[in-house]
């Protein structure tokens, strides 16, 4: 083994693995053992290898994550399509997620008691989750904290219209 071969492996690990430093440490430990017991001669090349920052790996993670999200234009188009299909329930749900940042389990657990139209606030006290055998249950929000979210007028109007629409169709 030489320094160039070890450096090439460490560079690959730095790109592919979150804990490349640990893998490098294990590899160095194996070579230390081999040198100590006379299986290899010389110095451990891993001691002279630099581990690079994970710039390449981080770039690929960001690229992969960004494909899971809509751009502002895509989101506006998606919401407009839901609105045009007169699917007000889904429109309200996705509008709420997009404009408040709450999790879907928190949105599913909301009741009208959690909406304060007067102060334009939303109270997040619970979330719906799946337990054993896919059964739904109510739990605390992911962070465990109850929180109040200030709402924009537009989002309050969307909720108000859905409430009226629901009462009218009941």
Protein backbone atom coordinates (compact mmCIF):
# COMPACT_ATOMS: atom_id res chain seq x y z
CA UNK A 1 0.00 0.00 0.00
CA UNK A 2 1.15 3.51 -0.72
CA UNK A 3 -0.08 7.00 0.15
CA UNK A 4 -1.68 7.60 -3.27
CA UNK A 5 -3.85 4.47 -3.06
CA UNK A 6 -4.90 5.31 0.50
CA UNK A 7 -5.66 8.93 -0.42
CA UNK A 8 -7.81 7.82 -3.37
CA UNK A 9 -9.85 5.54 -1.07
CA UNK A 10 -10.25 8.24 1.57
CA UNK A 11 -11.43 10.71 -1.10
CA UNK A 12 -14.06 8.22 -2.28
CA UNK A 13 -15.20 7.58 1.29
CA UNK A 14 -15.45 11.32 1.93
CA UNK A 15 -17.83 11.65 -1.02
CA UNK A 16 -19.96 8.59 -0.32
CA UNK A 17 -20.04 8.26 3.46
CA UNK A 18 -21.16 10.48 6.30
CA UNK A 19 -18.58 9.01 8.67
CA UNK A 20 -15.59 8.75 6.38
CA UNK A 21 -13.25 9.75 9.21
CA UNK A 22 -14.30 6.67 11.19
CA UNK A 23 -13.74 4.38 8.19
CA UNK A 24 -10.30 5.94 7.68
CA UNK A 25 -9.54 5.37 11.36
CA UNK A 26 -10.54 1.68 11.10
CA UNK A 27 -8.43 1.22 7.97
CA UNK A 28 -5.47 2.87 9.69
CA UNK A 29 -6.00 0.59 12.68
CA UNK A 30 -5.89 -2.49 10.48
CA UNK A 31 -2.61 -1.37 8.92
CA UNK A 32 -1.19 -0.47 12.37
CA UNK A 33 -2.02 -4.00 13.52
CA UNK A 34 -0.37 -5.51 10.40
CA UNK A 35 2.78 -3.41 10.88
CA UNK A 36 2.92 -4.17 14.61
CA UNK A 37 2.71 -7.93 14.00
CA UNK A 38 5.19 -7.95 11.12
CA UNK A 39 2.75 -8.60 8.26
CA UNK A 40 3.72 -5.27 6.66
CA UNK A 41 6.91 -3.27 6.78
CA UNK A 42 7.32 0.48 6.94
CA UNK A 43 5.00 3.25 8.07
CA UNK A 44 1.24 3.38 7.95
CA UNK A 45 0.31 5.40 4.80
CA UNK A 46 -3.07 6.35 6.33
CA UNK A 47 -1.21 8.52 8.85
CA UNK A 48 -0.12 10.77 5.97
CA UNK A 49 -3.49 10.95 4.22
CA UNK A 50 -5.69 14.05 4.46
CA UNK A 51 -9.43 13.73 4.72
CA UNK A 52 -11.15 16.36 2.62
CA UNK A 53 -14.28 18.24 3.48
CA UNK A 54 -17.45 16.65 2.10
CA UNK A 55 -18.18 19.40 -0.42
CA UNK A 56 -19.02 16.99 -3.22
CA UNK A 57 -21.20 14.82 -1.01
CA UNK A 58 -23.02 17.81 0.44
CA UNK A 59 -23.73 19.11 -3.05
CA UNK A 60 -25.32 15.81 -4.07
CA UNK A 61 -27.38 15.69 -0.87
CA UNK A 62 -28.67 19.22 -1.51
CA UNK A 63 -29.47 18.28 -5.12
CA UNK A 64 -31.38 15.18 -4.01
CA UNK A 65 -33.26 17.04 -1.28
CA UNK A 66 -34.20 19.93 -3.53
CA UNK A 67 -35.95 17.52 -5.88
CA UNK A 68 -38.37 16.76 -3.02
CA UNK A 69 -39.64 20.32 -2.92
CA UNK A 70 -41.58 22.56 -5.25
CA UNK A 71 -40.24 25.90 -6.34
CA UNK A 72 -42.49 28.86 -5.55
CA UNK A 73 -43.79 28.81 -9.11
CA UNK A 74 -44.48 25.06 -9.02
CA UNK A 75 -46.27 25.41 -5.68
CA UNK A 76 -48.44 28.26 -6.95
CA UNK A 77 -49.31 26.22 -10.05
CA UNK A 78 -50.12 23.12 -7.96
CA UNK A 79 -52.38 25.07 -5.60
CA UNK A 80 -54.08 26.80 -8.53
CA UNK A 81 -54.79 23.41 -10.13
CA UNK A 82 -56.37 22.15 -6.91
CA UNK A 83 -58.46 25.30 -6.70
CA UNK A 84 -59.64 24.97 -10.31
CA UNK A 85 -60.66 21.35 -9.71
CA UNK A 86 -62.90 22.59 -6.88
CA UNK A 87 -61.13 20.22 -4.52
CA UNK A 88 -61.31 22.71 -1.69
CA UNK A 89 -60.47 20.19 1.01
CA UNK A 90 -57.15 19.26 -0.61
CA UNK A 91 -56.48 22.86 -1.60
CA UNK A 92 -56.95 23.96 2.02
CA UNK A 93 -54.73 21.16 3.33
CA UNK A 94 -51.83 21.91 0.98
CA UNK A 95 -52.24 25.68 1.34
CA UNK A 96 -52.03 25.25 5.10
CA UNK A 97 -48.89 23.09 4.86
CA UNK A 98 -47.22 25.48 2.43
CA UNK A 99 -48.03 28.68 4.30
CA UNK A 100 -47.53 27.58 7.92
CA UNK A 101 -44.74 25.01 7.83
CA UNK A 102 -46.69 22.56 9.99
CA UNK A 103 -46.25 18.85 9.45
CA UNK A 104 -48.97 16.82 7.77
CA UNK A 105 -49.65 14.82 10.96
CA UNK A 106 -50.19 18.11 12.79
CA UNK A 107 -52.54 19.35 10.06
CA UNK A 108 -54.58 16.12 10.17
CA UNK A 109 -54.99 16.51 13.94
CA UNK A 110 -56.30 20.09 13.77
CA UNK A 111 -59.81 20.88 14.93
CA UNK A 112 -61.73 24.14 14.62
CA UNK A 113 -60.93 24.75 18.31
CA UNK A 114 -57.27 25.08 17.27
CA UNK A 115 -58.05 27.95 14.89
CA UNK A 116 -58.34 31.43 16.40
CA UNK A 117 -59.90 33.58 13.69
CA UNK A 118 -59.99 36.68 15.89
CA UNK A 119 -56.23 36.72 16.63
CA UNK A 120 -55.27 35.02 13.35
CA UNK A 121 -53.48 32.16 15.09
CA UNK A 122 -53.22 28.42 14.81
CA UNK A 123 -52.57 26.32 17.92
CA UNK A 124 -50.54 23.15 17.33
CA UNK A 125 -51.13 20.84 20.30
CA UNK A 126 -51.19 17.38 18.73
CA UNK A 127 -50.40 15.27 15.71
CA UNK A 128 -51.77 12.10 14.18
CA UNK A 129 -49.36 9.23 13.68
CA UNK A 130 -49.44 5.55 12.74
CA UNK A 131 -48.74 2.94 15.37
CA UNK A 132 -48.70 -0.83 15.39
CA UNK A 133 -50.57 -2.48 12.52
CA UNK A 134 -51.08 0.93 10.91
CA UNK A 135 -53.51 2.16 13.55
CA UNK A 136 -53.84 5.90 13.88
CA UNK A 137 -53.32 7.58 17.22
CA UNK A 138 -52.98 11.13 18.52
CA UNK A 139 -49.64 12.16 20.01
CA UNK A 140 -47.75 15.30 20.94
CA UNK A 141 -46.14 17.23 18.06
CA UNK A 142 -42.75 15.94 16.93
CA UNK A 143 -40.84 18.46 19.04
CA UNK A 144 -43.10 17.76 22.03
CA UNK A 145 -43.86 21.46 22.27
CA UNK A 146 -47.24 23.07 21.91
CA UNK A 147 -46.86 26.13 19.71
CA UNK A 148 -48.91 28.99 18.33
CA UNK A 149 -48.46 30.08 14.72
CA UNK A 150 -49.39 33.56 13.54
CA UNK A 151 -51.36 33.31 10.31
CA UNK A 152 -51.57 35.50 7.24
CA UNK A 153 -54.93 36.95 6.29
CA UNK A 154 -54.97 34.89 3.08
CA UNK A 155 -54.57 31.60 4.97
CA UNK A 156 -57.26 32.60 7.47
CA UNK A 157 -59.57 33.33 4.51
CA UNK A 158 -58.84 29.91 3.03
CA UNK A 159 -59.69 28.24 6.38
CA UNK A 160 -62.80 30.37 6.81
CA UNK A 161 -64.03 29.54 3.29
CA UNK A 162 -63.44 25.84 3.88
CA UNK A 163 -65.34 25.99 7.17
CA UNK A 164 -68.28 27.70 5.44
CA UNK A 165 -68.10 25.26 2.52
CA UNK A 166 -68.09 22.30 4.96
CA UNK A 167 -71.10 23.60 6.89
CA UNK A 168 -72.96 24.26 3.65
CA UNK A 169 -72.35 20.72 2.37
CA UNK A 170 -73.19 19.03 5.70
